[in-house]
Protein backbone atom coordinates (compact mmCIF):
# COMPACT_ATOMS: atom_id res chain seq x y z
CA MET A 1 -0.01 -0.04 0.03
CA PHE A 2 2.85 2.43 0.91
CA PRO A 3 5.95 2.99 -1.17
CA ARG A 4 9.09 1.37 0.07
CA PRO A 5 12.01 3.46 1.40
CA ILE A 6 14.50 4.25 -1.36
CA GLN A 7 17.15 2.37 0.59
CA GLN A 8 15.19 -0.83 0.01
CA ALA A 9 14.84 -0.28 -3.71
CA SER A 10 16.90 -1.97 -6.42
CA ALA A 11 20.29 -0.58 -7.43
CA PRO A 12 18.99 0.92 -10.71
CA ALA A 13 16.15 2.62 -8.91
CA ARG A 14 18.49 4.15 -6.41
CA ALA A 15 20.80 5.38 -9.13
CA LEU A 16 17.81 6.93 -11.00
CA TYR A 17 16.71 8.57 -7.75
CA LYS A 18 20.13 10.05 -7.07
CA THR A 19 20.21 11.42 -10.62
CA ALA A 20 16.64 12.70 -10.84
CA LEU A 21 16.60 14.38 -7.39
CA PRO A 22 19.20 17.06 -8.09
CA ILE A 23 17.62 17.77 -11.50
CA ALA A 24 14.20 18.18 -10.03
CA LEU A 25 15.56 20.31 -7.24
CA PHE A 26 17.32 22.59 -9.79
CA LEU A 27 14.19 22.94 -11.89
CA TRP A 28 12.15 23.81 -8.84
CA LEU A 29 14.74 26.40 -7.64
CA PHE A 30 15.44 27.85 -11.13
CA PRO A 31 12.75 30.62 -10.95
CA LEU A 32 13.96 31.63 -7.49
CA LEU A 33 17.53 31.74 -8.74
CA GLY A 34 16.34 33.87 -11.71
CA VAL A 35 14.70 36.35 -9.29
CA ALA A 36 17.86 36.48 -7.16
CA VAL A 37 20.02 37.19 -10.20
CA THR A 38 17.65 39.80 -11.51
CA SER A 39 17.66 41.54 -8.15
CA LEU A 40 21.37 42.16 -8.67
CA ARG A 41 21.20 43.38 -12.29
CA PRO A 42 21.73 47.05 -13.05
CA ALA A 43 18.87 48.86 -14.77
CA SER A 44 21.05 49.23 -17.91
CA ASP A 45 21.11 45.45 -18.45
CA LEU A 46 17.35 45.30 -18.55
CA ALA A 47 17.15 48.28 -20.84
CA MET A 48 19.48 46.52 -23.29
CA GLY A 49 17.45 43.29 -23.13
CA ASN A 50 19.89 41.30 -21.00
CA TYR A 51 17.18 39.36 -19.09
CA PHE A 52 18.70 35.96 -18.89
CA GLY A 53 22.46 36.43 -19.38
CA MET A 54 24.99 37.13 -16.71
CA PRO A 55 24.78 40.64 -15.21
CA SER A 56 27.33 43.11 -16.47
CA ASP A 57 27.76 44.30 -12.90
CA ILE A 58 26.55 43.38 -9.37
CA ALA A 59 24.14 46.08 -8.40
CA TRP A 60 23.84 45.72 -4.62
CA GLY A 61 22.38 49.20 -4.67
CA ASN A 62 19.09 47.84 -5.83
CA TYR A 63 18.36 46.69 -2.28
CA LEU A 64 18.97 50.24 -1.04
CA GLU A 65 17.12 51.82 -3.90
CA ILE A 66 13.96 49.74 -3.17
CA PHE A 67 13.80 51.40 0.25
CA THR A 68 14.60 54.91 -0.95
CA ASN A 69 12.44 55.00 -4.10
CA SER A 70 9.38 53.01 -2.94
CA PRO A 71 7.28 52.67 0.18
CA ILE A 72 8.30 49.04 0.74
CA GLY A 73 8.89 49.67 4.36
CA GLN A 74 5.21 50.70 4.77
CA TYR A 75 4.19 47.64 2.71
CA ILE A 76 6.14 45.28 4.99
CA PHE A 77 4.66 46.99 8.07
CA ASN A 78 1.18 46.53 6.56
CA SER A 79 1.95 42.84 6.06
CA PHE A 80 2.82 42.47 9.71
CA LYS A 81 -0.35 44.33 10.70
CA VAL A 82 -2.39 41.85 8.73
CA THR A 83 -0.50 38.65 9.36
CA ILE A 84 0.16 38.77 13.13
CA PRO A 85 -3.44 39.47 14.18
CA THR A 86 -4.57 36.82 11.74
CA VAL A 87 -2.25 34.18 13.25
CA ILE A 88 -3.26 35.06 16.80
CA GLY A 89 -7.00 35.21 15.99
CA THR A 90 -7.10 31.95 14.09
CA LEU A 91 -5.11 30.12 16.78
CA ILE A 92 -7.37 31.39 19.51
CA LEU A 93 -10.58 30.47 17.68
CA SER A 94 -9.37 27.12 16.30
CA THR A 95 -8.05 25.89 19.65
CA MET A 96 -11.37 26.58 21.37
CA THR A 97 -13.50 25.25 18.57
CA GLY A 98 -11.18 22.23 18.19
CA PHE A 99 -11.47 21.60 21.90
CA ALA A 100 -15.24 21.72 21.81
CA LEU A 101 -15.59 19.47 18.72
CA GLY A 102 -12.87 17.08 19.77
CA ILE A 103 -13.77 16.57 23.37
CA TYR A 104 -17.49 16.95 23.74
CA ARG A 105 -19.98 14.50 22.24
CA PHE A 106 -23.24 16.28 21.39
CA ARG A 107 -25.85 16.24 18.64
CA SER A 108 -24.83 17.99 15.45
CA ASN A 109 -21.16 17.72 16.41
CA LEU A 110 -20.18 16.30 13.02
CA LEU A 111 -22.50 18.65 11.23
CA ILE A 112 -20.84 21.65 12.73
CA PHE A 113 -17.37 20.18 12.05
CA PHE A 114 -18.31 19.59 8.46
CA MET A 115 -19.55 23.17 8.11
CA PHE A 116 -16.08 24.36 9.23
CA VAL A 117 -14.40 21.98 6.74
CA ALA A 118 -16.76 22.86 3.89
CA GLY A 119 -15.43 26.42 3.68
CA ASN A 120 -12.13 25.06 2.55
CA PHE A 121 -13.65 23.53 -0.55
CA VAL A 122 -15.34 26.80 -1.77
CA PRO A 123 -13.29 28.36 -4.62
CA PHE A 124 -12.28 31.72 -3.13
CA GLN A 125 -12.54 33.46 -6.50
CA ILE A 126 -16.36 33.29 -6.40
CA LEU A 127 -16.28 35.13 -3.00
CA MET A 128 -14.49 38.15 -4.46
CA VAL A 129 -17.60 40.26 -5.13
CA PRO A 130 -19.58 39.34 -1.98
CA VAL A 131 -16.63 39.84 0.35
CA ARG A 132 -15.75 43.13 -1.32
CA ASP A 133 -19.32 44.40 -0.93
CA LEU A 134 -19.49 43.19 2.65
CA THR A 135 -16.29 44.92 3.70
CA TYR A 136 -17.42 48.09 1.87
CA GLY A 137 -20.76 48.07 3.59
CA LEU A 138 -19.13 47.62 7.02
CA GLY A 139 -16.59 50.40 6.39
CA LEU A 140 -13.73 47.92 6.46
CA TYR A 141 -12.80 48.20 2.75
CA ASN A 142 -9.16 49.26 2.14
CA THR A 143 -8.18 48.76 5.78
CA THR A 144 -5.64 46.36 7.23
CA GLY A 145 -8.19 45.47 9.97
CA GLY A 146 -10.76 44.45 7.39
CA LEU A 147 -8.25 42.25 5.54
CA ALA A 148 -7.17 40.66 8.82
CA LEU A 149 -10.71 39.88 9.84
CA PHE A 150 -11.46 38.22 6.51
CA HIS A 151 -8.38 36.05 6.80
CA ILE A 152 -9.29 35.06 10.34
CA ALA A 153 -12.76 34.06 9.17
CA PHE A 154 -11.50 32.18 6.11
CA GLN A 155 -8.54 30.41 7.82
CA THR A 156 -10.45 29.30 10.95
CA GLY A 157 -12.08 26.42 9.07
CA PHE A 158 -8.73 24.85 8.11
CA CYS A 159 -7.25 25.51 11.55
CA THR A 160 -10.28 23.97 13.21
CA LEU A 161 -9.85 20.84 11.15
CA PHE A 162 -6.21 20.68 12.15
CA MET A 163 -6.82 21.31 15.86
CA ARG A 164 -9.89 19.11 16.20
CA ASN A 165 -8.15 16.04 14.82
CA PHE A 166 -5.09 16.74 17.01
CA ILE A 167 -7.14 17.13 20.17
CA ALA A 168 -9.32 14.11 19.40
CA ALA A 169 -6.10 11.96 19.44
CA LEU A 170 -5.08 13.09 22.95
CA PRO A 171 -5.53 10.58 25.81
CA ARG A 172 -9.02 11.03 27.16
CA GLU A 173 -7.95 9.48 30.50
CA LEU A 174 -6.20 12.76 31.34
CA ILE A 175 -9.37 14.71 30.86
CA GLU A 176 -11.52 12.17 32.71
CA ALA A 177 -9.12 12.11 35.60
CA ALA A 178 -9.26 15.92 35.86
CA ARG A 179 -13.05 15.80 35.83
CA VAL A 180 -13.08 13.26 38.62
CA GLU A 181 -10.95 15.63 40.66
CA GLY A 182 -13.46 18.41 40.11
CA VAL A 183 -11.41 20.53 37.77
CA ALA A 184 -13.50 23.08 35.79
CA GLU A 185 -13.74 22.64 32.05
CA TRP A 186 -11.87 25.88 31.26
CA LYS A 187 -9.05 24.81 33.55
CA ILE A 188 -8.89 21.47 31.77
CA PHE A 189 -8.50 23.36 28.49
CA TRP A 190 -5.96 25.83 29.85
CA TYR A 191 -3.77 23.64 32.06
CA ILE A 192 -4.06 20.18 30.44
CA VAL A 193 -5.04 20.38 26.76
CA LEU A 194 -3.41 23.63 25.72
CA PRO A 195 0.21 22.62 26.87
CA LEU A 196 -0.14 19.37 24.96
CA MET A 197 -1.10 21.34 21.90
CA ARG A 198 2.08 23.38 21.69
CA PRO A 199 3.64 21.43 18.80
CA ALA A 200 0.37 21.68 16.79
CA ILE A 201 0.10 25.37 17.60
CA ALA A 202 3.67 25.99 16.42
CA ALA A 203 3.13 24.11 13.16
CA LEU A 204 -0.11 25.85 12.54
CA ALA A 205 1.38 29.29 13.31
CA VAL A 206 4.10 28.74 10.71
CA LEU A 207 1.58 27.53 8.10
CA VAL A 208 -0.89 30.36 8.62
CA PHE A 209 1.88 32.96 8.76
CA THR A 210 3.19 31.79 5.42
CA PHE A 211 -0.31 31.56 3.83
CA ILE A 212 -1.29 35.11 4.86
CA TRP A 213 2.08 36.78 4.22
CA ASN A 214 2.18 35.39 0.67
CA ASP A 215 -1.46 36.17 -0.14
CA PHE A 216 -1.75 38.30 -3.24
CA PHE A 217 -5.33 37.83 -4.41
CA TRP A 218 -7.22 39.25 -1.35
CA ALA A 219 -4.52 41.86 -0.85
CA THR A 220 -5.30 43.34 -4.25
CA VAL A 221 -9.11 42.87 -3.90
CA LEU A 222 -9.54 44.44 -0.50
CA THR A 223 -6.86 47.10 -0.38
CA THR A 224 -5.99 49.82 -2.84
CA SER A 225 -3.60 52.36 -1.25
CA ALA A 226 0.02 52.28 -0.22
CA SER A 227 -1.04 52.97 3.41
CA THR A 228 -2.92 49.64 3.59
CA GLN A 229 -1.56 47.30 0.96
CA PRO A 230 0.62 44.38 2.04
CA VAL A 231 3.98 43.84 0.50
CA THR A 232 2.71 41.28 -2.08
CA ALA A 233 0.30 43.82 -3.57
CA GLY A 234 2.57 46.74 -3.08
CA LEU A 235 5.44 45.21 -5.12
CA SER A 236 3.15 44.99 -8.20
CA SER A 237 2.72 48.77 -8.05
CA LEU A 238 6.42 49.32 -8.70
CA ASN A 239 5.83 48.62 -12.40
CA GLY A 240 4.21 51.63 -14.07
CA GLN A 241 2.30 51.72 -17.34
CA TRP A 242 5.38 52.48 -19.47
CA ILE A 243 8.33 51.52 -17.23
CA ALA A 244 8.97 47.99 -15.78
CA GLN A 245 11.49 48.09 -12.86
CA TRP A 246 12.00 44.37 -12.65
CA HIS A 247 15.34 44.77 -10.84
CA LEU A 248 13.59 46.60 -8.02
CA VAL A 249 10.55 44.20 -8.02
CA SER A 250 13.03 41.22 -7.76
CA ALA A 251 14.95 42.89 -4.90
CA GLY A 252 11.73 43.62 -3.09
CA SER A 253 10.55 40.03 -3.59
CA ILE A 254 13.74 38.74 -1.95
CA ILE A 255 13.25 41.07 0.97
CA ALA A 256 9.56 40.20 1.30
CA ALA A 257 10.43 36.45 1.42
CA LEU A 258 12.76 36.78 4.43
CA PRO A 259 10.18 37.02 7.28
CA PRO A 260 8.45 33.66 6.52
CA VAL A 261 11.75 31.97 5.80
CA LEU A 262 13.20 33.18 9.10
CA MET A 263 10.14 32.16 10.99
CA PHE A 264 10.31 28.68 9.54
CA PHE A 265 13.93 28.24 10.54
CA LEU A 266 13.25 29.58 14.01
CA MET A 267 10.25 27.30 14.48
CA GLN A 268 11.59 24.38 12.44
CA LYS A 269 11.91 21.95 15.32
CA HIS A 270 8.47 22.66 16.64
CA PHE A 271 6.99 22.64 13.10
CA ILE A 272 8.30 19.20 12.22
CA ALA A 273 7.30 17.87 15.68
CA GLY A 274 3.77 19.20 15.18
CA LEU A 275 3.39 17.61 11.75
CA THR A 276 4.75 14.24 12.78
CA LEU A 277 3.28 13.88 16.27
CA GLY A 278 0.88 10.97 16.25
CA ALA A 279 2.17 9.74 12.90
CA VAL A 280 3.42 6.50 14.49
CA LYS A 281 2.24 4.54 17.47
């Protein structure tokens, strides 16, 4: 049913694997390498059509120019204003809903759980007009708060699915023993369940942070000005109608990718533990 480890495969299969893996890795990283090289090209190279050749010079000044000639600092700050409240809000809501759906047995438990999950299967493109009209009617259009609230509502379904399944796998004997001792339900959640959920919370925090930070679609739909646009939408505004500053866009893209990369490496141990906890018995 499951594929065998590559160490147990035949010698030709192992040789093919060792050959194909670096090739696949290079093809996957090639666009990123292209962006990195373009971020170091001088503007004269692009003006002469040197898009894919070696740069005539290493223009480290592009990384300084992106800060002096564009509001990328404001864009990055806006991304943090949207991403951090979204991560906190989704984790708070999903841990509580996951606890309720994973621990308590009541009528319509599965129905409510399926309603949370069903939102993940709705194509988000068809929500563009209704969500835009809703935020406009509530006075939240073109605000970082409105964008964060939408992401919290949209991501809570996936996070609830993740948390509910994690909590349902916890030993129920711990909870029953606490109830026998007369511990209140909120204390069971706070002192018993929540500490056991730390690996799952860390893994989910990294995933949600990456999802929201890299969001482009809703950033362009629900924000329009430099004072509210996240960095993904703000970078696209660097290209005017007649001039394309791809060297600055590439430099800004490298800078914009640093926060989620740094967060992943800082939380790598907890992230892997959260994804693999419960994978084996």
